Structures are given as structure tokens and as C-alpha cells.
Amino acid sequence: MSSTSQYKDLFNGSYISNPVYDHLFKLIIIGESGVGKTCITLRFTDELFKLNFTHTLGVDFKIKTVDIKGKKIKLQIWDTAGQERFHAVTTSHYKHTHGVILVYDITNYNSFLNIRKWLRNVEEFGREGAHLVLVGNKLDLESQREVTYNGGYQLANDLGMTFLEVSAKEASNIDECFIVLVENILKKNPDDLRILNDIQNLATVKK
């Protein structure tokens, strides 16, 4: 990022000079209500696990900075915060997204079937070329499994995305699902990454 520019951070609306990161990526985590999206997000950002949440309608943001391949990456992670229960997820949720984590519950087959619905929303409202990861959550409830590992793997393979099974409760594979997504974004060539930084919901203003 150029030291001769200022950047407007979407998260707080303020302008910052010389940001202390190399890239800022917007990630969204989507799926049916109850699959554990917020649990996954909180486990990654705050190393916390809670079974019950009190949501207010709106988009919930979490921020985490990670070091990957020698680069400091600031992640803005958008959670639907319960909006999906009321079919209230807006198109703005998908705009300017670099990476998408699509989550289903391995103990709920319907949540798996609805992954294609969520993917259609990404394709319709999201940024072309956004990287995708399919995540089957609640691996700790193996005895209640309704979706086989092979079923999840085959769907991800058919849709051209990375696949992992995770447990937010046990912190299993949580970091990996975010890291692999960011690594896939970073595989773009330098020119592509410059374009990403220009459209990542930051406004670049010359001094």
C-alpha cells in the first residue's frame, strides 16, 4: 500500500495513513441458521466458544490480523448475525468480498442441501472470482452425523472449492479453514492483489 495515500476503513469509517498491514481482505461466513457460523468466527478471532448467542439483526463484524507467508493480513470477517432466519441477508453483505466460507452442520442434512442456495447468492451478488471454502461444522457430534465426509468432499469438488470439516467447540481445523482461504487469495499475482486492495471496500484518496 502506498504511503502517499489515505485509506478509508469500512469497519469504522475513519481514514488511516500508512496502515500496519499489507492487505485487507473481506471474508464472509454464510449458511443456514444454527450451523455454527458465529461459533466458528468467535473461535477464530477470540478463541472463545459459546453455545447460545443473543443476536440483533444486522451484520456483525470481527477483525483479526494474521501473518501469512511473510505478509501481515487484516481480515474483516462478516457474520450474518441471525439475519438468515428472517431471509434478511442483504446484497451489501456479499459486495467486494474476497473470500467466502460456506458452512453446513454435519448433523443437519437440510443445511447441507441448502449450500447451493447460498452459493447462488454469492454468484449473483458477490465479486466475481471470490475464493470459496466449504466447511462442515460440528465434527464433535460424529455420532449424530447425517452428512458423510465423502458427501461434503464431493460437493466441494463439484463446485470447485476447498473442503474441510471442523469443530468450533473443540477448535478443530478452525484456523485452517481461514488460513487456507487467505492463502488461496494470496496466490493471485501482484497486479491482481493491487486490484483487490482497491475494491476491498476501502476508498483510496490521494493527498
N, C-alpha and C. Protein backbone atom coordinates (compact mmCIF):
# COMPACT_ATOMS: atom_id res chain seq x y z
N MET A 1 0.84 -1.20 0.00
CA MET A 1 0.00 0.00 0.00
C MET A 1 0.88 1.25 0.00
N SER A 2 0.47 2.23 -0.73
CA SER A 2 1.30 3.42 -0.87
C SER A 2 1.25 4.28 0.38
N SER A 3 2.44 4.79 0.77
CA SER A 3 2.50 5.67 1.93
C SER A 3 2.01 7.07 1.58
N THR A 4 1.73 7.31 0.29
CA THR A 4 1.26 8.63 -0.13
C THR A 4 -0.25 8.68 -0.22
N SER A 5 -0.92 7.66 0.28
CA SER A 5 -2.37 7.61 0.20
C SER A 5 -2.97 7.45 1.58
N GLN A 6 -4.24 7.80 1.64
CA GLN A 6 -5.03 7.52 2.84
C GLN A 6 -6.09 6.50 2.45
N TYR A 7 -6.52 5.71 3.45
CA TYR A 7 -7.49 4.66 3.17
C TYR A 7 -8.64 4.77 4.17
N LYS A 8 -9.82 4.61 3.63
CA LYS A 8 -11.00 4.66 4.49
C LYS A 8 -11.36 3.24 4.90
N ASP A 9 -11.26 2.97 6.18
CA ASP A 9 -11.55 1.65 6.70
C ASP A 9 -13.05 1.48 6.83
N LEU A 10 -13.59 0.47 6.14
CA LEU A 10 -15.04 0.25 6.16
C LEU A 10 -15.53 -0.02 7.57
N PHE A 11 -14.70 -0.67 8.39
CA PHE A 11 -15.16 -1.09 9.70
C PHE A 11 -15.53 0.07 10.61
N ASN A 12 -14.72 1.14 10.58
CA ASN A 12 -15.04 2.25 11.47
C ASN A 12 -15.23 3.58 10.76
N GLY A 13 -15.11 3.57 9.42
CA GLY A 13 -15.39 4.76 8.65
C GLY A 13 -14.33 5.83 8.72
N SER A 14 -13.21 5.56 9.38
CA SER A 14 -12.18 6.57 9.55
C SER A 14 -11.08 6.41 8.50
N TYR A 15 -10.34 7.50 8.28
CA TYR A 15 -9.21 7.44 7.35
C TYR A 15 -7.94 7.14 8.12
N ILE A 16 -7.11 6.27 7.55
CA ILE A 16 -5.87 5.91 8.20
C ILE A 16 -4.73 6.05 7.21
N SER A 17 -3.58 6.55 7.68
CA SER A 17 -2.39 6.67 6.84
C SER A 17 -1.42 5.57 7.23
N ASN A 18 -0.67 5.07 6.23
CA ASN A 18 0.34 4.05 6.48
C ASN A 18 -0.21 2.90 7.33
N PRO A 19 -1.22 2.19 6.86
CA PRO A 19 -1.81 1.10 7.63
C PRO A 19 -0.77 0.03 7.96
N VAL A 20 -0.89 -0.58 9.14
CA VAL A 20 0.11 -1.53 9.60
C VAL A 20 -0.22 -2.94 9.12
N TYR A 21 -0.61 -3.07 7.87
CA TYR A 21 -0.84 -4.38 7.28
C TYR A 21 -0.57 -4.26 5.78
N ASP A 22 -0.30 -5.41 5.17
CA ASP A 22 -0.01 -5.43 3.73
C ASP A 22 -1.27 -5.52 2.88
N HIS A 23 -2.26 -6.24 3.38
CA HIS A 23 -3.51 -6.39 2.65
C HIS A 23 -4.66 -6.41 3.64
N LEU A 24 -5.81 -5.94 3.19
CA LEU A 24 -7.04 -6.08 3.96
C LEU A 24 -8.02 -6.86 3.10
N PHE A 25 -8.49 -8.00 3.62
CA PHE A 25 -9.42 -8.85 2.88
C PHE A 25 -10.75 -8.93 3.61
N LYS A 26 -11.81 -8.82 2.84
CA LYS A 26 -13.15 -9.03 3.38
C LYS A 26 -13.56 -10.48 3.18
N LEU A 27 -13.89 -11.15 4.29
CA LEU A 27 -14.37 -12.52 4.24
C LEU A 27 -15.80 -12.55 4.77
N ILE A 28 -16.64 -13.38 4.18
CA ILE A 28 -17.99 -13.56 4.72
C ILE A 28 -18.18 -15.03 5.06
N ILE A 29 -18.97 -15.28 6.09
CA ILE A 29 -19.28 -16.63 6.50
C ILE A 29 -20.80 -16.78 6.46
N ILE A 30 -21.28 -17.72 5.64
CA ILE A 30 -22.72 -17.83 5.38
C ILE A 30 -23.17 -19.28 5.48
N GLY A 31 -24.48 -19.45 5.63
CA GLY A 31 -25.09 -20.76 5.76
C GLY A 31 -26.37 -20.64 6.56
N GLU A 32 -27.05 -21.76 6.74
CA GLU A 32 -28.33 -21.75 7.45
C GLU A 32 -28.15 -21.37 8.92
N SER A 33 -29.24 -20.91 9.52
CA SER A 33 -29.24 -20.58 10.94
C SER A 33 -28.94 -21.83 11.76
N GLY A 34 -28.08 -21.68 12.75
CA GLY A 34 -27.79 -22.78 13.66
C GLY A 34 -26.66 -23.69 13.26
N VAL A 35 -26.01 -23.41 12.11
CA VAL A 35 -24.92 -24.30 11.69
C VAL A 35 -23.61 -24.00 12.42
N GLY A 36 -23.55 -22.85 13.10
CA GLY A 36 -22.36 -22.54 13.89
C GLY A 36 -21.45 -21.48 13.30
N LYS A 37 -22.01 -20.60 12.48
CA LYS A 37 -21.19 -19.56 11.83
C LYS A 37 -20.54 -18.64 12.86
N THR A 38 -21.32 -18.17 13.81
CA THR A 38 -20.79 -17.26 14.83
C THR A 38 -19.80 -17.99 15.74
N CYS A 39 -20.09 -19.25 16.04
CA CYS A 39 -19.16 -20.04 16.86
C CYS A 39 -17.81 -20.18 16.16
N ILE A 40 -17.84 -20.43 14.86
CA ILE A 40 -16.60 -20.55 14.09
C ILE A 40 -15.84 -19.23 14.10
N THR A 41 -16.57 -18.14 13.87
CA THR A 41 -15.93 -16.83 13.83
C THR A 41 -15.30 -16.47 15.17
N LEU A 42 -16.05 -16.64 16.25
CA LEU A 42 -15.53 -16.30 17.58
C LEU A 42 -14.37 -17.19 18.00
N ARG A 43 -14.44 -18.45 17.61
CA ARG A 43 -13.33 -19.36 17.94
C ARG A 43 -12.05 -18.89 17.24
N PHE A 44 -12.18 -18.42 16.01
CA PHE A 44 -11.01 -17.97 15.26
C PHE A 44 -10.49 -16.62 15.76
N THR A 45 -11.39 -15.67 15.98
CA THR A 45 -10.96 -14.31 16.32
C THR A 45 -10.64 -14.13 17.80
N ASP A 46 -11.41 -14.78 18.67
CA ASP A 46 -11.28 -14.54 20.11
C ASP A 46 -10.94 -15.79 20.92
N GLU A 47 -10.83 -16.93 20.25
CA GLU A 47 -10.57 -18.21 20.92
C GLU A 47 -11.62 -18.49 21.99
N LEU A 48 -12.87 -18.17 21.65
CA LEU A 48 -14.00 -18.39 22.55
C LEU A 48 -14.99 -19.36 21.92
N PHE A 49 -15.74 -20.06 22.79
CA PHE A 49 -16.84 -20.89 22.30
C PHE A 49 -18.05 -20.68 23.19
N LYS A 50 -19.17 -20.31 22.58
CA LYS A 50 -20.42 -20.14 23.29
C LYS A 50 -21.51 -20.89 22.55
N LEU A 51 -22.37 -21.56 23.30
CA LEU A 51 -23.47 -22.29 22.67
C LEU A 51 -24.63 -21.39 22.33
N ASN A 52 -24.85 -20.36 23.14
CA ASN A 52 -26.02 -19.50 22.96
C ASN A 52 -25.60 -18.06 22.73
N PHE A 53 -26.27 -17.43 21.75
CA PHE A 53 -25.99 -16.04 21.41
C PHE A 53 -27.29 -15.27 21.36
N THR A 54 -27.22 -14.00 21.76
CA THR A 54 -28.34 -13.09 21.57
C THR A 54 -27.99 -12.17 20.42
N HIS A 55 -28.66 -12.37 19.27
CA HIS A 55 -28.34 -11.61 18.08
C HIS A 55 -29.29 -10.42 17.92
N THR A 56 -28.76 -9.35 17.39
CA THR A 56 -29.60 -8.28 16.89
C THR A 56 -29.45 -8.29 15.38
N LEU A 57 -30.52 -7.97 14.67
CA LEU A 57 -30.46 -8.00 13.22
C LEU A 57 -29.45 -6.99 12.71
N GLY A 58 -28.69 -7.39 11.76
CA GLY A 58 -27.64 -6.56 11.20
C GLY A 58 -26.42 -7.40 10.95
N VAL A 59 -25.42 -6.80 10.37
CA VAL A 59 -24.19 -7.52 10.08
C VAL A 59 -23.22 -7.35 11.23
N ASP A 60 -22.68 -8.45 11.70
CA ASP A 60 -21.71 -8.42 12.79
C ASP A 60 -20.31 -8.55 12.19
N PHE A 61 -19.40 -7.68 12.61
CA PHE A 61 -18.03 -7.70 12.10
C PHE A 61 -17.08 -8.19 13.18
N LYS A 62 -16.10 -8.94 12.77
CA LYS A 62 -14.97 -9.25 13.64
C LYS A 62 -13.70 -8.96 12.84
N ILE A 63 -12.67 -8.53 13.54
CA ILE A 63 -11.40 -8.19 12.91
C ILE A 63 -10.30 -9.08 13.49
N LYS A 64 -9.46 -9.59 12.61
CA LYS A 64 -8.27 -10.30 13.08
C LYS A 64 -7.15 -10.10 12.07
N THR A 65 -5.95 -9.85 12.58
CA THR A 65 -4.78 -9.71 11.73
C THR A 65 -3.91 -10.96 11.87
N VAL A 66 -3.52 -11.52 10.74
CA VAL A 66 -2.72 -12.74 10.73
C VAL A 66 -1.47 -12.53 9.89
N ASP A 67 -0.43 -13.29 10.17
CA ASP A 67 0.80 -13.27 9.37
C ASP A 67 0.85 -14.53 8.54
N ILE A 68 0.86 -14.36 7.22
CA ILE A 68 0.87 -15.50 6.30
C ILE A 68 1.89 -15.23 5.21
N LYS A 69 2.82 -16.17 5.06
CA LYS A 69 3.84 -16.07 4.01
C LYS A 69 4.56 -14.72 4.03
N GLY A 70 4.86 -14.25 5.23
CA GLY A 70 5.60 -13.02 5.37
C GLY A 70 4.78 -11.76 5.18
N LYS A 71 3.48 -11.90 5.03
CA LYS A 71 2.59 -10.75 4.85
C LYS A 71 1.67 -10.61 6.06
N LYS A 72 1.46 -9.36 6.46
CA LYS A 72 0.50 -9.08 7.53
C LYS A 72 -0.85 -8.81 6.88
N ILE A 73 -1.82 -9.67 7.18
CA ILE A 73 -3.13 -9.61 6.54
C ILE A 73 -4.19 -9.25 7.56
N LYS A 74 -4.89 -8.15 7.33
CA LYS A 74 -6.01 -7.78 8.18
C LYS A 74 -7.29 -8.35 7.58
N LEU A 75 -8.04 -9.10 8.38
CA LEU A 75 -9.26 -9.73 7.91
C LEU A 75 -10.47 -9.05 8.54
N GLN A 76 -11.41 -8.66 7.70
CA GLN A 76 -12.73 -8.23 8.16
C GLN A 76 -13.67 -9.40 7.90
N ILE A 77 -14.17 -10.00 8.97
CA ILE A 77 -14.99 -11.20 8.85
C ILE A 77 -16.44 -10.83 9.14
N TRP A 78 -17.29 -10.98 8.14
CA TRP A 78 -18.70 -10.60 8.24
C TRP A 78 -19.54 -11.83 8.56
N ASP A 79 -20.33 -11.72 9.62
CA ASP A 79 -21.27 -12.76 10.02
C ASP A 79 -22.68 -12.21 9.84
N THR A 80 -23.60 -13.05 9.39
CA THR A 80 -24.97 -12.57 9.13
C THR A 80 -25.74 -12.26 10.41
N ALA A 81 -25.23 -12.68 11.55
CA ALA A 81 -25.80 -12.30 12.86
C ALA A 81 -27.29 -12.61 12.96
N GLY A 82 -27.69 -13.79 12.47
CA GLY A 82 -29.08 -14.22 12.62
C GLY A 82 -30.02 -13.74 11.55
N GLN A 83 -29.55 -12.92 10.61
CA GLN A 83 -30.45 -12.40 9.57
C GLN A 83 -31.04 -13.50 8.70
N GLU A 84 -30.29 -14.60 8.52
CA GLU A 84 -30.76 -15.65 7.63
C GLU A 84 -32.07 -16.27 8.11
N ARG A 85 -32.35 -16.16 9.41
CA ARG A 85 -33.61 -16.71 9.93
C ARG A 85 -34.81 -15.96 9.39
N PHE A 86 -34.60 -14.70 9.02
CA PHE A 86 -35.69 -13.86 8.54
C PHE A 86 -35.54 -13.52 7.06
N HIS A 87 -34.64 -14.26 6.39
CA HIS A 87 -34.37 -14.01 4.96
C HIS A 87 -34.01 -12.54 4.74
N ALA A 88 -33.22 -11.99 5.66
CA ALA A 88 -32.93 -10.56 5.64
C ALA A 88 -31.49 -10.25 5.25
N VAL A 89 -30.75 -11.26 4.78
CA VAL A 89 -29.37 -11.00 4.37
C VAL A 89 -29.38 -10.15 3.12
N THR A 90 -28.77 -8.99 3.17
CA THR A 90 -28.84 -8.03 2.07
C THR A 90 -27.71 -8.25 1.07
N THR A 91 -27.91 -7.67 -0.11
CA THR A 91 -26.89 -7.80 -1.15
C THR A 91 -25.57 -7.15 -0.74
N SER A 92 -25.62 -6.13 0.12
CA SER A 92 -24.39 -5.46 0.55
C SER A 92 -23.47 -6.40 1.32
N HIS A 93 -24.05 -7.43 1.91
CA HIS A 93 -23.26 -8.42 2.65
C HIS A 93 -22.24 -9.09 1.72
N TYR A 94 -22.61 -9.25 0.47
CA TYR A 94 -21.78 -10.00 -0.47
C TYR A 94 -20.82 -9.13 -1.27
N LYS A 95 -21.05 -7.84 -1.29
CA LYS A 95 -20.27 -6.97 -2.18
C LYS A 95 -18.80 -6.88 -1.76
N HIS A 96 -17.93 -6.81 -2.78
CA HIS A 96 -16.49 -6.58 -2.56
C HIS A 96 -15.85 -7.65 -1.68
N THR A 97 -16.37 -8.87 -1.78
CA THR A 97 -15.87 -9.96 -0.94
C THR A 97 -14.71 -10.68 -1.62
N HIS A 98 -13.66 -10.92 -0.86
CA HIS A 98 -12.51 -11.65 -1.39
C HIS A 98 -12.63 -13.14 -1.17
N GLY A 99 -13.24 -13.52 -0.05
CA GLY A 99 -13.35 -14.94 0.28
C GLY A 99 -14.64 -15.26 0.99
N VAL A 100 -15.14 -16.47 0.76
CA VAL A 100 -16.42 -16.89 1.33
C VAL A 100 -16.26 -18.25 1.99
N ILE A 101 -16.74 -18.35 3.23
CA ILE A 101 -16.81 -19.64 3.92
C ILE A 101 -18.28 -20.04 3.97
N LEU A 102 -18.63 -21.12 3.28
CA LEU A 102 -19.99 -21.64 3.28
C LEU A 102 -20.05 -22.78 4.29
N VAL A 103 -20.95 -22.66 5.27
CA VAL A 103 -20.97 -23.59 6.40
C VAL A 103 -22.27 -24.39 6.42
N TYR A 104 -22.13 -25.70 6.65
CA TYR A 104 -23.29 -26.53 6.96
C TYR A 104 -22.99 -27.32 8.23
N ASP A 105 -24.03 -27.90 8.79
CA ASP A 105 -23.94 -28.69 10.02
C ASP A 105 -23.95 -30.16 9.61
N ILE A 106 -22.92 -30.92 9.97
CA ILE A 106 -22.86 -32.32 9.54
C ILE A 106 -23.97 -33.16 10.14
N THR A 107 -24.67 -32.64 11.18
CA THR A 107 -25.79 -33.37 11.78
C THR A 107 -27.14 -32.91 11.23
N ASN A 108 -27.12 -32.04 10.23
CA ASN A 108 -28.36 -31.48 9.66
C ASN A 108 -28.27 -31.53 8.14
N TYR A 109 -28.90 -32.54 7.55
CA TYR A 109 -28.77 -32.75 6.11
C TYR A 109 -29.37 -31.59 5.31
N ASN A 110 -30.44 -30.99 5.83
CA ASN A 110 -31.05 -29.86 5.11
C ASN A 110 -30.09 -28.69 4.97
N SER A 111 -29.28 -28.45 6.00
CA SER A 111 -28.32 -27.35 5.92
C SER A 111 -27.29 -27.62 4.82
N PHE A 112 -27.01 -28.89 4.58
CA PHE A 112 -26.10 -29.28 3.51
C PHE A 112 -26.76 -29.07 2.15
N LEU A 113 -28.02 -29.47 2.03
CA LEU A 113 -28.73 -29.30 0.77
C LEU A 113 -28.83 -27.83 0.37
N ASN A 114 -28.91 -26.94 1.36
CA ASN A 114 -29.09 -25.51 1.07
C ASN A 114 -27.80 -24.78 0.73
N ILE A 115 -26.67 -25.47 0.74
CA ILE A 115 -25.41 -24.83 0.37
C ILE A 115 -25.48 -24.25 -1.03
N ARG A 116 -26.11 -24.95 -1.96
CA ARG A 116 -26.20 -24.45 -3.34
C ARG A 116 -27.00 -23.15 -3.40
N LYS A 117 -28.00 -23.02 -2.53
CA LYS A 117 -28.77 -21.77 -2.47
C LYS A 117 -27.87 -20.61 -2.06
N TRP A 118 -27.06 -20.83 -1.04
CA TRP A 118 -26.15 -19.77 -0.58
C TRP A 118 -25.10 -19.45 -1.64
N LEU A 119 -24.67 -20.47 -2.35
CA LEU A 119 -23.69 -20.25 -3.41
C LEU A 119 -24.29 -19.41 -4.53
N ARG A 120 -25.55 -19.63 -4.84
CA ARG A 120 -26.21 -18.81 -5.88
C ARG A 120 -26.23 -17.34 -5.47
N ASN A 121 -26.45 -17.08 -4.19
CA ASN A 121 -26.42 -15.69 -3.71
C ASN A 121 -25.04 -15.07 -3.90
N VAL A 122 -24.00 -15.84 -3.61
CA VAL A 122 -22.63 -15.36 -3.80
C VAL A 122 -22.40 -15.04 -5.27
N GLU A 123 -22.83 -15.94 -6.14
CA GLU A 123 -22.61 -15.76 -7.57
C GLU A 123 -23.39 -14.57 -8.12
N GLU A 124 -24.58 -14.33 -7.55
CA GLU A 124 -25.42 -13.24 -8.04
C GLU A 124 -24.98 -11.88 -7.51
N PHE A 125 -24.63 -11.83 -6.23
CA PHE A 125 -24.38 -10.54 -5.59
C PHE A 125 -22.91 -10.28 -5.24
N GLY A 126 -22.09 -11.31 -5.26
CA GLY A 126 -20.71 -11.17 -4.83
C GLY A 126 -19.78 -10.75 -5.94
N ARG A 127 -18.50 -10.63 -5.58
CA ARG A 127 -17.48 -10.25 -6.54
C ARG A 127 -17.04 -11.47 -7.34
N GLU A 128 -16.97 -11.31 -8.64
CA GLU A 128 -16.52 -12.41 -9.49
C GLU A 128 -15.09 -12.80 -9.12
N GLY A 129 -14.86 -14.08 -8.97
CA GLY A 129 -13.53 -14.56 -8.63
C GLY A 129 -13.26 -14.69 -7.14
N ALA A 130 -14.28 -14.46 -6.30
CA ALA A 130 -14.09 -14.65 -4.86
C ALA A 130 -13.75 -16.11 -4.58
N HIS A 131 -12.85 -16.34 -3.66
CA HIS A 131 -12.44 -17.70 -3.32
C HIS A 131 -13.42 -18.30 -2.31
N LEU A 132 -13.63 -19.62 -2.43
CA LEU A 132 -14.67 -20.29 -1.65
C LEU A 132 -14.08 -21.47 -0.86
N VAL A 133 -14.58 -21.64 0.35
CA VAL A 133 -14.26 -22.81 1.15
C VAL A 133 -15.57 -23.38 1.69
N LEU A 134 -15.76 -24.69 1.54
CA LEU A 134 -16.93 -25.37 2.10
C LEU A 134 -16.52 -26.01 3.42
N VAL A 135 -17.31 -25.74 4.47
CA VAL A 135 -16.98 -26.20 5.81
C VAL A 135 -18.15 -26.96 6.41
N GLY A 136 -17.89 -28.19 6.83
CA GLY A 136 -18.86 -28.97 7.60
C GLY A 136 -18.53 -28.83 9.07
N ASN A 137 -19.42 -28.19 9.83
CA ASN A 137 -19.16 -27.93 11.25
C ASN A 137 -19.80 -29.00 12.14
N LYS A 138 -19.39 -28.99 13.40
CA LYS A 138 -19.88 -29.87 14.47
C LYS A 138 -19.32 -31.28 14.35
N LEU A 139 -18.04 -31.36 14.00
CA LEU A 139 -17.35 -32.63 13.91
C LEU A 139 -17.33 -33.35 15.25
N ASP A 140 -17.51 -32.61 16.33
CA ASP A 140 -17.56 -33.21 17.67
C ASP A 140 -18.82 -34.04 17.89
N LEU A 141 -19.82 -33.89 17.00
CA LEU A 141 -21.07 -34.66 17.10
C LEU A 141 -21.09 -35.78 16.06
N GLU A 142 -19.98 -36.48 15.95
CA GLU A 142 -19.81 -37.53 14.94
C GLU A 142 -20.92 -38.58 15.01
N SER A 143 -21.36 -38.92 16.20
CA SER A 143 -22.38 -39.97 16.36
C SER A 143 -23.74 -39.54 15.82
N GLN A 144 -23.93 -38.23 15.62
CA GLN A 144 -25.20 -37.72 15.10
C GLN A 144 -25.10 -37.31 13.62
N ARG A 145 -24.03 -37.68 12.99
CA ARG A 145 -23.75 -37.26 11.61
C ARG A 145 -24.85 -37.70 10.65
N GLU A 146 -25.30 -36.74 9.80
CA GLU A 146 -26.24 -37.02 8.71
C GLU A 146 -25.60 -36.82 7.34
N VAL A 147 -24.48 -36.10 7.31
CA VAL A 147 -23.77 -35.83 6.05
C VAL A 147 -22.41 -36.50 6.13
N THR A 148 -22.13 -37.40 5.21
CA THR A 148 -20.85 -38.10 5.23
C THR A 148 -19.72 -37.16 4.80
N TYR A 149 -18.52 -37.51 5.21
CA TYR A 149 -17.35 -36.74 4.77
C TYR A 149 -17.26 -36.76 3.25
N ASN A 150 -17.46 -37.93 2.66
CA ASN A 150 -17.37 -38.05 1.21
C ASN A 150 -18.42 -37.21 0.50
N GLY A 151 -19.61 -37.08 1.13
CA GLY A 151 -20.66 -36.24 0.56
C GLY A 151 -20.23 -34.79 0.49
N GLY A 152 -19.63 -34.30 1.58
CA GLY A 152 -19.14 -32.92 1.59
C GLY A 152 -17.99 -32.72 0.63
N TYR A 153 -17.08 -33.69 0.61
CA TYR A 153 -15.92 -33.59 -0.29
C TYR A 153 -16.35 -33.57 -1.75
N GLN A 154 -17.32 -34.43 -2.09
CA GLN A 154 -17.78 -34.49 -3.48
C GLN A 154 -18.46 -33.20 -3.91
N LEU A 155 -19.28 -32.62 -3.01
CA LEU A 155 -19.94 -31.35 -3.34
C LEU A 155 -18.90 -30.27 -3.57
N ALA A 156 -17.92 -30.18 -2.69
CA ALA A 156 -16.87 -29.17 -2.84
C ALA A 156 -16.11 -29.38 -4.14
N ASN A 157 -15.82 -30.62 -4.45
CA ASN A 157 -15.10 -30.93 -5.69
C ASN A 157 -15.92 -30.53 -6.92
N ASP A 158 -17.23 -30.82 -6.88
CA ASP A 158 -18.12 -30.46 -7.99
C ASP A 158 -18.18 -28.95 -8.18
N LEU A 159 -18.12 -28.21 -7.08
CA LEU A 159 -18.26 -26.75 -7.13
C LEU A 159 -16.91 -26.03 -7.22
N GLY A 160 -15.83 -26.79 -7.20
CA GLY A 160 -14.50 -26.20 -7.36
C GLY A 160 -14.02 -25.42 -6.16
N MET A 161 -14.27 -25.93 -4.96
CA MET A 161 -13.84 -25.22 -3.76
C MET A 161 -13.12 -26.16 -2.80
N THR A 162 -12.38 -25.58 -1.87
CA THR A 162 -11.69 -26.34 -0.84
C THR A 162 -12.71 -26.85 0.18
N PHE A 163 -12.44 -28.01 0.79
CA PHE A 163 -13.36 -28.60 1.76
C PHE A 163 -12.64 -28.97 3.04
N LEU A 164 -13.26 -28.63 4.17
CA LEU A 164 -12.78 -29.06 5.48
C LEU A 164 -13.97 -29.37 6.37
N GLU A 165 -13.77 -30.31 7.30
CA GLU A 165 -14.71 -30.49 8.40
C GLU A 165 -14.05 -29.93 9.65
N VAL A 166 -14.86 -29.25 10.49
CA VAL A 166 -14.32 -28.55 11.65
C VAL A 166 -15.20 -28.78 12.87
N SER A 167 -14.66 -28.43 14.01
CA SER A 167 -15.45 -28.36 15.24
C SER A 167 -15.13 -27.05 15.94
N ALA A 168 -16.10 -26.14 15.96
CA ALA A 168 -15.90 -24.89 16.69
C ALA A 168 -15.77 -25.17 18.19
N LYS A 169 -16.50 -26.17 18.67
CA LYS A 169 -16.47 -26.49 20.09
C LYS A 169 -15.08 -26.95 20.52
N GLU A 170 -14.47 -27.80 19.72
CA GLU A 170 -13.17 -28.37 20.08
C GLU A 170 -12.00 -27.65 19.41
N ALA A 171 -12.30 -26.58 18.68
CA ALA A 171 -11.27 -25.79 17.98
C ALA A 171 -10.50 -26.63 16.97
N SER A 172 -11.18 -27.57 16.35
CA SER A 172 -10.55 -28.45 15.38
C SER A 172 -10.67 -27.89 13.97
N ASN A 173 -9.54 -27.62 13.33
CA ASN A 173 -9.48 -27.14 11.94
C ASN A 173 -10.04 -25.73 11.74
N ILE A 174 -10.30 -25.01 12.81
CA ILE A 174 -10.87 -23.66 12.67
C ILE A 174 -9.87 -22.71 12.03
N ASP A 175 -8.67 -22.63 12.58
CA ASP A 175 -7.66 -21.76 11.98
C ASP A 175 -7.40 -22.15 10.53
N GLU A 176 -7.37 -23.46 10.28
CA GLU A 176 -7.04 -23.94 8.94
C GLU A 176 -8.02 -23.46 7.89
N CYS A 177 -9.31 -23.40 8.21
CA CYS A 177 -10.29 -23.01 7.18
C CYS A 177 -10.13 -21.55 6.79
N PHE A 178 -9.70 -20.69 7.72
CA PHE A 178 -9.44 -19.29 7.38
C PHE A 178 -8.09 -19.14 6.68
N ILE A 179 -7.09 -19.84 7.17
CA ILE A 179 -5.75 -19.71 6.60
C ILE A 179 -5.72 -20.20 5.16
N VAL A 180 -6.34 -21.34 4.88
CA VAL A 180 -6.33 -21.86 3.51
C VAL A 180 -7.05 -20.91 2.57
N LEU A 181 -8.10 -20.26 3.07
CA LEU A 181 -8.83 -19.29 2.25
C LEU A 181 -7.94 -18.09 1.92
N VAL A 182 -7.26 -17.56 2.92
CA VAL A 182 -6.38 -16.41 2.70
C VAL A 182 -5.21 -16.79 1.80
N GLU A 183 -4.66 -17.98 1.99
CA GLU A 183 -3.57 -18.42 1.13
C GLU A 183 -4.00 -18.51 -0.33
N ASN A 184 -5.23 -18.96 -0.56
CA ASN A 184 -5.74 -19.02 -1.93
C ASN A 184 -5.88 -17.63 -2.54
N ILE A 185 -6.31 -16.67 -1.72
CA ILE A 185 -6.41 -15.29 -2.21
C ILE A 185 -5.02 -14.75 -2.56
N LEU A 186 -4.04 -15.06 -1.71
CA LEU A 186 -2.69 -14.55 -1.91
C LEU A 186 -1.99 -15.16 -3.12
N LYS A 187 -2.51 -16.26 -3.64
CA LYS A 187 -1.90 -16.90 -4.80
C LYS A 187 -2.07 -16.07 -6.07
N LYS A 188 -2.96 -15.08 -6.02
CA LYS A 188 -3.11 -14.19 -7.17
C LYS A 188 -1.80 -13.46 -7.42
N ASN A 189 -1.58 -13.05 -8.66
CA ASN A 189 -0.35 -12.33 -8.95
C ASN A 189 -0.41 -10.91 -8.37
N PRO A 190 0.73 -10.22 -8.27
CA PRO A 190 0.76 -8.90 -7.61
C PRO A 190 -0.21 -7.89 -8.21
N ASP A 191 -0.38 -7.90 -9.53
CA ASP A 191 -1.31 -6.95 -10.14
C ASP A 191 -2.73 -7.22 -9.69
N ASP A 192 -3.10 -8.51 -9.61
CA ASP A 192 -4.44 -8.86 -9.14
C ASP A 192 -4.64 -8.42 -7.70
N LEU A 193 -3.61 -8.57 -6.87
CA LEU A 193 -3.73 -8.18 -5.47
C LEU A 193 -3.88 -6.67 -5.33
N ARG A 194 -3.22 -5.90 -6.19
CA ARG A 194 -3.39 -4.45 -6.15
C ARG A 194 -4.84 -4.09 -6.47
N ILE A 195 -5.41 -4.79 -7.44
CA ILE A 195 -6.81 -4.54 -7.78
C ILE A 195 -7.71 -4.90 -6.60
N LEU A 196 -7.41 -6.03 -5.95
CA LEU A 196 -8.19 -6.43 -4.79
C LEU A 196 -8.17 -5.35 -3.72
N ASN A 197 -6.99 -4.80 -3.47
CA ASN A 197 -6.88 -3.78 -2.43
C ASN A 197 -7.66 -2.53 -2.79
N ASP A 198 -7.83 -2.26 -4.07
CA ASP A 198 -8.58 -1.08 -4.49
C ASP A 198 -10.08 -1.27 -4.34
N ILE A 199 -10.56 -2.53 -4.36
CA ILE A 199 -12.01 -2.75 -4.33
C ILE A 199 -12.48 -3.40 -3.04
N GLN A 200 -11.63 -3.42 -2.03
CA GLN A 200 -11.97 -4.16 -0.82
C GLN A 200 -12.77 -3.32 0.17
N ASN A 201 -13.63 -2.48 -0.39
CA ASN A 201 -14.46 -1.61 0.46
C ASN A 201 -13.62 -0.59 1.21
N LEU A 202 -12.48 -0.22 0.62
CA LEU A 202 -11.70 0.90 1.12
C LEU A 202 -11.73 1.98 0.05
N ALA A 203 -11.83 3.22 0.46
CA ALA A 203 -11.77 4.31 -0.50
C ALA A 203 -10.37 4.90 -0.45
N THR A 204 -9.69 4.92 -1.58
CA THR A 204 -8.35 5.47 -1.65
C THR A 204 -8.42 6.92 -2.07
N VAL A 205 -7.85 7.79 -1.26
CA VAL A 205 -7.92 9.22 -1.53
C VAL A 205 -6.51 9.78 -1.58
N LYS A 206 -6.11 10.36 -2.70
CA LYS A 206 -4.78 10.95 -2.80
C LYS A 206 -4.71 12.22 -1.96
N LYS A 207 -3.57 12.43 -1.36
CA LYS A 207 -3.37 13.65 -0.57
C LYS A 207 -3.31 14.85 -1.48
